[in-house]
């Protein structure tokens, strides 16, 4: 990657690295590291005995933890009137894969990524999951290089300020945010209903592209009934989708009931 490219990314991030290799590692996808390792080990490729690049997977783990801390503290200070469940839902929305991918796309992170040839051909620079993971790794790199200060600055400017007002408005309006399972449980508790129960009903597809169907039930006014079903690429995602649908249906039903009163 050209020097000017890294310089321009540092301007976007608002942090100039003392240890530039941390940023390079944060931008390196495992596909490139894997390809370089294969080429280095190949007897048919003399001259490719350079050590493979370190990829960003370990940095993703740290970045997730750092982001969670920064987001939690910021919400704690900005919205002292909220309770723990509401903070949790706002934080879940801010650190979600979808939001991370949106921010990564907004700052133009894709062109800076270091990808293997296969990932490049398959459009990796625009893949939501890849963008979200890479942004987490970049946050970890900033933290390791400069501490929490520059991470807080970036998260505040790019990940929170443009979205917080709308998220708070949605929260106040009763819209399910981020952690839909928590939102559904809070709603059912408020109605003195039974806790939601999730059950896996079916799974399909090959191992690398599984799809799960989950059903959520609860006892509203008697025995347990099916509230909704959800499909996802993991059981957790399917549960979240089922909870989101159930939450929305119950909220709409409550709104209709209130609207029908004289």
C-alpha atoms as a PDB file:
ATOM      1  CA  UNK A   1       0.000   0.000   0.000  1.00  0.00           C
ATOM      2  CA  UNK A   2       1.327   3.401  -0.970  1.00  0.00           C
ATOM      3  CA  UNK A   3       2.523   5.763   1.756  1.00  0.00           C
ATOM      4  CA  UNK A   4       0.071   8.451   0.673  1.00  0.00           C
ATOM      5  CA  UNK A   5      -2.812   5.997   1.056  1.00  0.00           C
ATOM      6  CA  UNK A   6      -1.978   5.306   4.687  1.00  0.00           C
ATOM      7  CA  UNK A   7      -1.500   9.000   5.320  1.00  0.00           C
ATOM      8  CA  UNK A   8      -4.928   9.782   3.906  1.00  0.00           C
ATOM      9  CA  UNK A   9      -6.530   7.057   6.020  1.00  0.00           C
ATOM     10  CA  UNK A  10      -4.858   8.435   9.127  1.00  0.00           C
ATOM     11  CA  UNK A  11      -6.412  11.813   8.342  1.00  0.00           C
ATOM     12  CA  UNK A  12      -9.833  10.158   8.186  1.00  0.00           C
ATOM     13  CA  UNK A  13      -9.236   8.295  11.432  1.00  0.00           C
ATOM     14  CA  UNK A  14      -7.898  11.392  13.174  1.00  0.00           C
ATOM     15  CA  UNK A  15      -4.841   9.519  14.437  1.00  0.00           C
ATOM     16  CA  UNK A  16      -1.271   9.357  13.106  1.00  0.00           C
ATOM     17  CA  UNK A  17       0.369   6.084  14.045  1.00  0.00           C
ATOM     18  CA  UNK A  18       3.706   5.909  15.801  1.00  0.00           C
ATOM     19  CA  UNK A  19       3.744   2.186  14.983  1.00  0.00           C
ATOM     20  CA  UNK A  20       2.474   2.135  11.399  1.00  0.00           C
ATOM     21  CA  UNK A  21       2.592  -1.673  11.179  1.00  0.00           C
ATOM     22  CA  UNK A  22      -0.389  -1.878  13.538  1.00  0.00           C
ATOM     23  CA  UNK A  23      -2.530  -0.105  10.962  1.00  0.00           C
ATOM     24  CA  UNK A  24      -1.209  -2.323   8.173  1.00  0.00           C
ATOM     25  CA  UNK A  25      -2.099  -5.426  10.180  1.00  0.00           C
ATOM     26  CA  UNK A  26      -5.581  -4.067  10.934  1.00  0.00           C
ATOM     27  CA  UNK A  27      -6.187  -3.714   7.202  1.00  0.00           C
ATOM     28  CA  UNK A  28      -4.875  -7.182   6.294  1.00  0.00           C
ATOM     29  CA  UNK A  29      -7.555  -9.802   5.710  1.00  0.00           C
ATOM     30  CA  UNK A  30      -6.800 -13.449   6.444  1.00  0.00           C
ATOM     31  CA  UNK A  31      -7.220 -14.262   2.731  1.00  0.00           C
ATOM     32  CA  UNK A  32      -4.050 -12.329   1.900  1.00  0.00           C
ATOM     33  CA  UNK A  33      -2.082 -13.782   4.803  1.00  0.00           C
ATOM     34  CA  UNK A  34      -3.160 -17.281   3.742  1.00  0.00           C
ATOM     35  CA  UNK A  35      -2.150 -16.741   0.131  1.00  0.00           C
ATOM     36  CA  UNK A  36       1.229 -15.347   1.142  1.00  0.00           C
ATOM     37  CA  UNK A  37       1.848 -18.330   3.432  1.00  0.00           C
ATOM     38  CA  UNK A  38       1.020 -20.747   0.610  1.00  0.00           C
ATOM     39  CA  UNK A  39       3.307 -18.947  -1.820  1.00  0.00           C
ATOM     40  CA  UNK A  40       6.115 -18.852   0.735  1.00  0.00           C
ATOM     41  CA  UNK A  41       5.856 -22.608   1.277  1.00  0.00           C
ATOM     42  CA  UNK A  42       5.636 -23.456  -2.427  1.00  0.00           C
ATOM     43  CA  UNK A  43       8.772 -24.943  -3.994  1.00  0.00           C
ATOM     44  CA  UNK A  44       7.527 -23.694  -7.343  1.00  0.00           C
ATOM     45  CA  UNK A  45       7.676 -20.085  -6.218  1.00  0.00           C
ATOM     46  CA  UNK A  46      11.321 -19.181  -5.523  1.00  0.00           C
ATOM     47  CA  UNK A  47      11.821 -15.686  -4.295  1.00  0.00           C
ATOM     48  CA  UNK A  48       8.534 -15.642  -2.398  1.00  0.00           C
ATOM     49  CA  UNK A  49      10.096 -16.542   0.947  1.00  0.00           C
ATOM     50  CA  UNK A  50       8.970 -13.285   2.539  1.00  0.00           C
ATOM     51  CA  UNK A  51       7.210 -13.939   5.867  1.00  0.00           C
ATOM     52  CA  UNK A  52       3.423 -13.777   5.438  1.00  0.00           C
ATOM     53  CA  UNK A  53       1.604 -10.716   6.723  1.00  0.00           C
ATOM     54  CA  UNK A  54      -0.111 -10.914  10.097  1.00  0.00           C
ATOM     55  CA  UNK A  55      -3.871 -10.713   9.574  1.00  0.00           C
ATOM     56  CA  UNK A  56      -6.395  -8.689  11.540  1.00  0.00           C
ATOM     57  CA  UNK A  57      -8.418 -11.451  13.237  1.00  0.00           C
ATOM     58  CA  UNK A  58      -6.836 -11.073  16.697  1.00  0.00           C
ATOM     59  CA  UNK A  59      -7.179  -7.307  16.487  1.00  0.00           C
ATOM     60  CA  UNK A  60     -10.912  -7.740  15.786  1.00  0.00           C
ATOM     61  CA  UNK A  61     -11.302  -9.417  19.180  1.00  0.00           C
ATOM     62  CA  UNK A  62      -9.647  -6.538  21.012  1.00  0.00           C
ATOM     63  CA  UNK A  63     -11.447  -3.911  18.949  1.00  0.00           C
ATOM     64  CA  UNK A  64     -14.825  -5.357  19.881  1.00  0.00           C
ATOM     65  CA  UNK A  65     -14.009  -5.036  23.590  1.00  0.00           C
ATOM     66  CA  UNK A  66     -12.610  -1.510  23.257  1.00  0.00           C
ATOM     67  CA  UNK A  67     -15.623  -0.322  21.267  1.00  0.00           C
ATOM     68  CA  UNK A  68     -18.018  -1.809  23.808  1.00  0.00           C
ATOM     69  CA  UNK A  69     -16.292   0.055  26.652  1.00  0.00           C
ATOM     70  CA  UNK A  70     -16.147   3.385  24.819  1.00  0.00           C
ATOM     71  CA  UNK A  71     -19.775   3.173  23.702  1.00  0.00           C
ATOM     72  CA  UNK A  72     -20.982   2.182  27.191  1.00  0.00           C
ATOM     73  CA  UNK A  73     -19.155   5.045  28.913  1.00  0.00           C
ATOM     74  CA  UNK A  74     -20.344   7.570  26.350  1.00  0.00           C
ATOM     75  CA  UNK A  75     -23.987   6.513  26.711  1.00  0.00           C
ATOM     76  CA  UNK A  76     -23.660   6.509  30.506  1.00  0.00           C
ATOM     77  CA  UNK A  77     -22.502  10.131  30.429  1.00  0.00           C
ATOM     78  CA  UNK A  78     -24.794  11.426  27.666  1.00  0.00           C
ATOM     79  CA  UNK A  79     -28.026   9.824  28.855  1.00  0.00           C
ATOM     80  CA  UNK A  80     -28.003   9.621  32.680  1.00  0.00           C
ATOM     81  CA  UNK A  81     -31.814   9.470  32.632  1.00  0.00           C
ATOM     82  CA  UNK A  82     -31.901   6.044  30.989  1.00  0.00           C
ATOM     83  CA  UNK A  83     -31.846   2.697  32.775  1.00  0.00           C
ATOM     84  CA  UNK A  84     -29.535  -0.247  32.195  1.00  0.00           C
ATOM     85  CA  UNK A  85     -31.788  -2.014  29.708  1.00  0.00           C
ATOM     86  CA  UNK A  86     -32.098   1.105  27.540  1.00  0.00           C
ATOM     87  CA  UNK A  87     -28.336   1.705  27.594  1.00  0.00           C
ATOM     88  CA  UNK A  88     -27.849  -1.913  26.578  1.00  0.00           C
ATOM     89  CA  UNK A  89     -30.176  -1.585  23.597  1.00  0.00           C
ATOM     90  CA  UNK A  90     -28.553   1.646  22.404  1.00  0.00           C
ATOM     91  CA  UNK A  91     -25.086   0.152  22.756  1.00  0.00           C
ATOM     92  CA  UNK A  92     -26.147  -3.014  20.929  1.00  0.00           C
ATOM     93  CA  UNK A  93     -27.323  -0.904  18.015  1.00  0.00           C
ATOM     94  CA  UNK A  94     -24.114   1.156  17.928  1.00  0.00           C
ATOM     95  CA  UNK A  95     -21.815  -1.889  17.978  1.00  0.00           C
ATOM     96  CA  UNK A  96     -23.940  -4.049  15.664  1.00  0.00           C
ATOM     97  CA  UNK A  97     -22.453  -5.557  12.504  1.00  0.00           C
ATOM     98  CA  UNK A  98     -24.827  -3.485  10.410  1.00  0.00           C
ATOM     99  CA  UNK A  99     -23.836  -0.191  12.022  1.00  0.00           C
ATOM    100  CA  UNK A 100     -20.129  -1.015  11.900  1.00  0.00           C
ATOM    101  CA  UNK A 101     -20.404  -1.798   8.188  1.00  0.00           C
ATOM    102  CA  UNK A 102     -22.292   1.446   7.555  1.00  0.00           C
ATOM    103  CA  UNK A 103     -19.608   3.490   9.303  1.00  0.00           C
ATOM    104  CA  UNK A 104     -16.805   1.653   7.510  1.00  0.00           C
ATOM    105  CA  UNK A 105     -18.500   2.348   4.203  1.00  0.00           C
ATOM    106  CA  UNK A 106     -19.129   5.994   5.122  1.00  0.00           C
ATOM    107  CA  UNK A 107     -15.437   6.631   5.842  1.00  0.00           C
ATOM    108  CA  UNK A 108     -14.395   4.765   2.678  1.00  0.00           C
ATOM    109  CA  UNK A 109     -12.470   1.979   4.421  1.00  0.00           C
ATOM    110  CA  UNK A 110     -12.914  -0.560   1.618  1.00  0.00           C
ATOM    111  CA  UNK A 111     -10.213   0.726  -0.773  1.00  0.00           C
ATOM    112  CA  UNK A 112      -7.587   0.558   1.988  1.00  0.00           C
ATOM    113  CA  UNK A 113      -8.089  -3.121   2.776  1.00  0.00           C
ATOM    114  CA  UNK A 114      -5.365  -5.647   1.925  1.00  0.00           C
ATOM    115  CA  UNK A 115      -7.153  -8.653   0.435  1.00  0.00           C
ATOM    116  CA  UNK A 116      -6.176 -11.911  -1.184  1.00  0.00           C
ATOM    117  CA  UNK A 117      -6.856 -12.370  -4.882  1.00  0.00           C
ATOM    118  CA  UNK A 118      -9.894 -14.576  -4.330  1.00  0.00           C
ATOM    119  CA  UNK A 119     -11.492 -12.169  -1.866  1.00  0.00           C
ATOM    120  CA  UNK A 120     -10.723  -9.286  -4.209  1.00  0.00           C
ATOM    121  CA  UNK A 121     -12.464 -11.012  -7.108  1.00  0.00           C
ATOM    122  CA  UNK A 122     -15.530 -11.794  -5.011  1.00  0.00           C
ATOM    123  CA  UNK A 123     -16.072  -8.129  -4.087  1.00  0.00           C
ATOM    124  CA  UNK A 124     -14.636  -8.290  -0.590  1.00  0.00           C
ATOM    125  CA  UNK A 125     -14.152  -4.536  -0.343  1.00  0.00           C
ATOM    126  CA  UNK A 126     -17.936  -4.108  -0.273  1.00  0.00           C
ATOM    127  CA  UNK A 127     -18.875  -7.058   1.962  1.00  0.00           C
ATOM    128  CA  UNK A 128     -20.614  -5.858   5.108  1.00  0.00           C
ATOM    129  CA  UNK A 129     -19.134  -8.486   7.432  1.00  0.00           C
ATOM    130  CA  UNK A 130     -15.608  -7.899   6.161  1.00  0.00           C
ATOM    131  CA  UNK A 131     -15.947  -4.115   6.512  1.00  0.00           C
ATOM    132  CA  UNK A 132     -17.353  -4.393  10.036  1.00  0.00           C
ATOM    133  CA  UNK A 133     -14.585  -6.751  11.166  1.00  0.00           C
ATOM    134  CA  UNK A 134     -11.887  -4.566   9.629  1.00  0.00           C
ATOM    135  CA  UNK A 135     -13.190  -1.465  11.387  1.00  0.00           C
ATOM    136  CA  UNK A 136     -13.042  -3.318  14.705  1.00  0.00           C
ATOM    137  CA  UNK A 137      -9.430  -4.210  13.966  1.00  0.00           C
ATOM    138  CA  UNK A 138      -8.634  -0.588  13.122  1.00  0.00           C
ATOM    139  CA  UNK A 139     -10.091   0.544  16.461  1.00  0.00           C
ATOM    140  CA  UNK A 140      -7.857  -1.966  18.228  1.00  0.00           C
ATOM    141  CA  UNK A 141      -4.831  -0.679  16.314  1.00  0.00           C
ATOM    142  CA  UNK A 142      -5.630   2.902  17.315  1.00  0.00           C
ATOM    143  CA  UNK A 143      -6.000   1.817  20.943  1.00  0.00           C
ATOM    144  CA  UNK A 144      -2.697  -0.084  21.003  1.00  0.00           C
ATOM    145  CA  UNK A 145      -0.890   2.813  19.377  1.00  0.00           C
ATOM    146  CA  UNK A 146      -2.459   5.772  21.167  1.00  0.00           C
ATOM    147  CA  UNK A 147      -4.664   4.583  24.035  1.00  0.00           C
ATOM    148  CA  UNK A 148      -8.355   5.253  24.613  1.00  0.00           C
ATOM    149  CA  UNK A 149      -8.251   8.975  23.786  1.00  0.00           C
ATOM    150  CA  UNK A 150      -8.055   8.746  19.980  1.00  0.00           C
ATOM    151  CA  UNK A 151     -10.516   5.817  19.980  1.00  0.00           C
ATOM    152  CA  UNK A 152     -13.032   7.895  21.929  1.00  0.00           C
ATOM    153  CA  UNK A 153     -12.521  10.764  19.496  1.00  0.00           C
ATOM    154  CA  UNK A 154     -13.139   8.607  16.412  1.00  0.00           C
ATOM    155  CA  UNK A 155     -16.090   6.730  17.896  1.00  0.00           C
ATOM    156  CA  UNK A 156     -17.679   9.972  19.038  1.00  0.00           C
ATOM    157  CA  UNK A 157     -17.262  11.736  15.683  1.00  0.00           C
ATOM    158  CA  UNK A 158     -17.938   8.917  13.264  1.00  0.00           C
ATOM    159  CA  UNK A 159     -19.935   6.238  15.056  1.00  0.00           C
ATOM    160  CA  UNK A 160     -22.115   8.093  17.547  1.00  0.00           C
ATOM    161  CA  UNK A 161     -22.661  11.785  16.789  1.00  0.00           C
ATOM    162  CA  UNK A 162     -24.348  11.278  13.370  1.00  0.00           C
ATOM    163  CA  UNK A 163     -26.729   8.613  14.734  1.00  0.00           C
ATOM    164  CA  UNK A 164     -27.434   9.172  18.447  1.00  0.00           C
ATOM    165  CA  UNK A 165     -30.310  11.641  18.102  1.00  0.00           C
ATOM    166  CA  UNK A 166     -32.219   9.329  15.765  1.00  0.00           C
ATOM    167  CA  UNK A 167     -31.511   6.287  17.934  1.00  0.00           C
ATOM    168  CA  UNK A 168     -32.708   8.064  21.076  1.00  0.00           C
ATOM    169  CA  UNK A 169     -35.849   9.165  19.250  1.00  0.00           C
ATOM    170  CA  UNK A 170     -36.520   5.585  18.163  1.00  0.00           C
ATOM    171  CA  UNK A 171     -35.894   4.316  21.698  1.00  0.00           C
ATOM    172  CA  UNK A 172     -38.349   6.830  23.172  1.00  0.00           C
ATOM    173  CA  UNK A 173     -40.910   5.803  20.555  1.00  0.00           C
ATOM    174  CA  UNK A 174     -40.646   2.185  21.671  1.00  0.00           C
ATOM    175  CA  UNK A 175     -38.879   0.874  18.575  1.00  0.00           C
ATOM    176  CA  UNK A 176     -36.810  -2.271  19.091  1.00  0.00           C
ATOM    177  CA  UNK A 177     -33.107  -1.457  18.820  1.00  0.00           C
ATOM    178  CA  UNK A 178     -30.084  -3.720  18.431  1.00  0.00           C
ATOM    179  CA  UNK A 179     -30.686  -6.397  21.042  1.00  0.00           C
ATOM    180  CA  UNK A 180     -34.215  -7.408  20.062  1.00  0.00           C
ATOM    181  CA  UNK A 181     -34.295 -10.298  22.529  1.00  0.00           C
ATOM    182  CA  UNK A 182     -33.758  -7.932  25.460  1.00  0.00           C
ATOM    183  CA  UNK A 183     -36.373  -5.530  24.097  1.00  0.00           C
ATOM    184  CA  UNK A 184     -38.939  -8.324  23.772  1.00  0.00           C
ATOM    185  CA  UNK A 185     -38.218  -9.611  27.261  1.00  0.00           C
ATOM    186  CA  UNK A 186     -38.645  -6.123  28.738  1.00  0.00           C
ATOM    187  CA  UNK A 187     -41.958  -5.714  26.922  1.00  0.00           C
ATOM    188  CA  UNK A 188     -43.252  -9.060  28.182  1.00  0.00           C
ATOM    189  CA  UNK A 189     -42.103  -8.309  31.721  1.00  0.00           C
ATOM    190  CA  UNK A 190     -43.937  -4.984  31.615  1.00  0.00           C
ATOM    191  CA  UNK A 191     -47.093  -6.867  30.605  1.00  0.00           C
ATOM    192  CA  UNK A 192     -46.520  -9.424  33.365  1.00  0.00           C
ATOM    193  CA  UNK A 193     -46.353 -12.149  30.731  1.00  0.00           C
ATOM    194  CA  UNK A 194     -44.133 -15.202  30.809  1.00  0.00           C
ATOM    195  CA  UNK A 195     -40.515 -15.058  29.639  1.00  0.00           C
ATOM    196  CA  UNK A 196     -40.022 -15.757  25.917  1.00  0.00           C
ATOM    197  CA  UNK A 197     -38.893 -19.243  24.926  1.00  0.00           C
ATOM    198  CA  UNK A 198     -36.894 -19.903  21.755  1.00  0.00           C
ATOM    199  CA  UNK A 199     -36.949 -23.205  19.903  1.00  0.00           C
ATOM    200  CA  UNK A 200     -35.020 -24.306  16.820  1.00  0.00           C
ATOM    201  CA  UNK A 201     -37.577 -25.625  14.332  1.00  0.00           C
ATOM    202  CA  UNK A 202     -35.447 -26.388  11.277  1.00  0.00           C
ATOM    203  CA  UNK A 203     -32.051 -25.947   9.669  1.00  0.00           C
ATOM    204  CA  UNK A 204     -31.046 -26.228   6.030  1.00  0.00           C
ATOM    205  CA  UNK A 205     -28.200 -25.671   3.602  1.00  0.00           C
ATOM    206  CA  UNK A 206     -24.579 -26.865   3.452  1.00  0.00           C
ATOM    207  CA  UNK A 207     -22.276 -26.428   6.439  1.00  0.00           C
ATOM    208  CA  UNK A 208     -20.740 -23.218   5.112  1.00  0.00           C
ATOM    209  CA  UNK A 209     -24.144 -21.664   4.369  1.00  0.00           C
ATOM    210  CA  UNK A 210     -26.507 -22.905   7.051  1.00  0.00           C
ATOM    211  CA  UNK A 211     -29.916 -21.311   7.598  1.00  0.00           C
ATOM    212  CA  UNK A 212     -31.775 -21.715  10.872  1.00  0.00           C
ATOM    213  CA  UNK A 213     -35.496 -21.308  11.581  1.00  0.00           C
ATOM    214  CA  UNK A 214     -36.320 -20.346  15.170  1.00  0.00           C
ATOM    215  CA  UNK A 215     -39.698 -19.917  16.836  1.00  0.00           C
ATOM    216  CA  UNK A 216     -40.349 -17.686  19.845  1.00  0.00           C
ATOM    217  CA  UNK A 217     -43.219 -18.390  22.238  1.00  0.00           C
ATOM    218  CA  UNK A 218     -44.622 -16.721  25.350  1.00  0.00           C
ATOM    219  CA  UNK A 219     -47.655 -16.978  27.648  1.00  0.00           C
ATOM    220  CA  UNK A 220     -49.501 -13.708  27.106  1.00  0.00           C
ATOM    221  CA  UNK A 221     -52.887 -14.397  28.664  1.00  0.00           C
ATOM    222  CA  UNK A 222     -52.807 -18.132  29.212  1.00  0.00           C
ATOM    223  CA  UNK A 223     -50.841 -20.996  27.683  1.00  0.00           C
ATOM    224  CA  UNK A 224     -47.793 -20.285  25.558  1.00  0.00           C
ATOM    225  CA  UNK A 225     -48.451 -19.194  21.991  1.00  0.00           C
ATOM    226  CA  UNK A 226     -46.196 -18.648  18.994  1.00  0.00           C
ATOM    227  CA  UNK A 227     -45.304 -14.970  18.731  1.00  0.00           C
ATOM    228  CA  UNK A 228     -43.136 -15.086  15.605  1.00  0.00           C
ATOM    229  CA  UNK A 229     -40.531 -16.983  13.647  1.00  0.00           C
ATOM    230  CA  UNK A 230     -37.160 -15.836  12.364  1.00  0.00           C
ATOM    231  CA  UNK A 231     -34.540 -17.080   9.926  1.00  0.00           C
ATOM    232  CA  UNK A 232     -30.805 -16.428  10.172  1.00  0.00           C
ATOM    233  CA  UNK A 233     -27.381 -17.741   9.196  1.00  0.00           C
ATOM    234  CA  UNK A 234     -26.732 -18.586  12.877  1.00  0.00           C
ATOM    235  CA  UNK A 235     -29.054 -19.620  15.693  1.00  0.00           C
ATOM    236  CA  UNK A 236     -28.404 -16.347  17.494  1.00  0.00           C
ATOM    237  CA  UNK A 237     -29.290 -14.295  14.418  1.00  0.00           C
ATOM    238  CA  UNK A 238     -32.449 -16.330  13.889  1.00  0.00           C
ATOM    239  CA  UNK A 239     -33.447 -15.757  17.523  1.00  0.00           C
ATOM    240  CA  UNK A 240     -32.840 -12.025  17.157  1.00  0.00           C
ATOM    241  CA  UNK A 241     -34.968 -11.923  14.013  1.00  0.00           C
ATOM    242  CA  UNK A 242     -37.780 -13.849  15.694  1.00  0.00           C
ATOM    243  CA  UNK A 243     -37.620 -11.472  18.671  1.00  0.00           C
ATOM    244  CA  UNK A 244     -37.677  -8.434  16.374  1.00  0.00           C
ATOM    245  CA  UNK A 245     -40.782  -9.681  14.579  1.00  0.00           C
ATOM    246  CA  UNK A 246     -42.518 -10.576  17.825  1.00  0.00           C
ATOM    247  CA  UNK A 247     -41.709  -7.188  19.350  1.00  0.00           C
ATOM    248  CA  UNK A 248     -43.037  -5.308  16.319  1.00  0.00           C
ATOM    249  CA  UNK A 249     -46.233  -7.375  16.185  1.00  0.00           C
ATOM    250  CA  UNK A 250     -46.979  -6.918  19.878  1.00  0.00           C
ATOM    251  CA  UNK A 251     -46.285  -3.188  19.681  1.00  0.00           C
ATOM    252  CA  UNK A 252     -48.592  -2.780  16.690  1.00  0.00           C
ATOM    253  CA  UNK A 253     -51.275  -4.855  18.404  1.00  0.00           C
ATOM    254  CA  UNK A 254     -51.048  -2.649  21.492  1.00  0.00           C
ATOM    255  CA  UNK A 255     -51.278   0.467  19.322  1.00  0.00           C
ATOM    256  CA  UNK A 256     -54.406  -0.815  17.595  1.00  0.00           C
ATOM    257  CA  UNK A 257     -55.988  -1.659  20.924  1.00  0.00           C
ATOM    258  CA  UNK A 258     -55.302   1.812  22.276  1.00  0.00           C
ATOM    259  CA  UNK A 259     -56.606   3.415  19.092  1.00  0.00           C
ATOM    260  CA  UNK A 260     -59.886   1.516  19.325  1.00  0.00           C
ATOM    261  CA  UNK A 261     -60.745   2.864  22.774  1.00  0.00           C
ATOM    262  CA  UNK A 262     -63.547   5.436  22.889  1.00  0.00           C
END
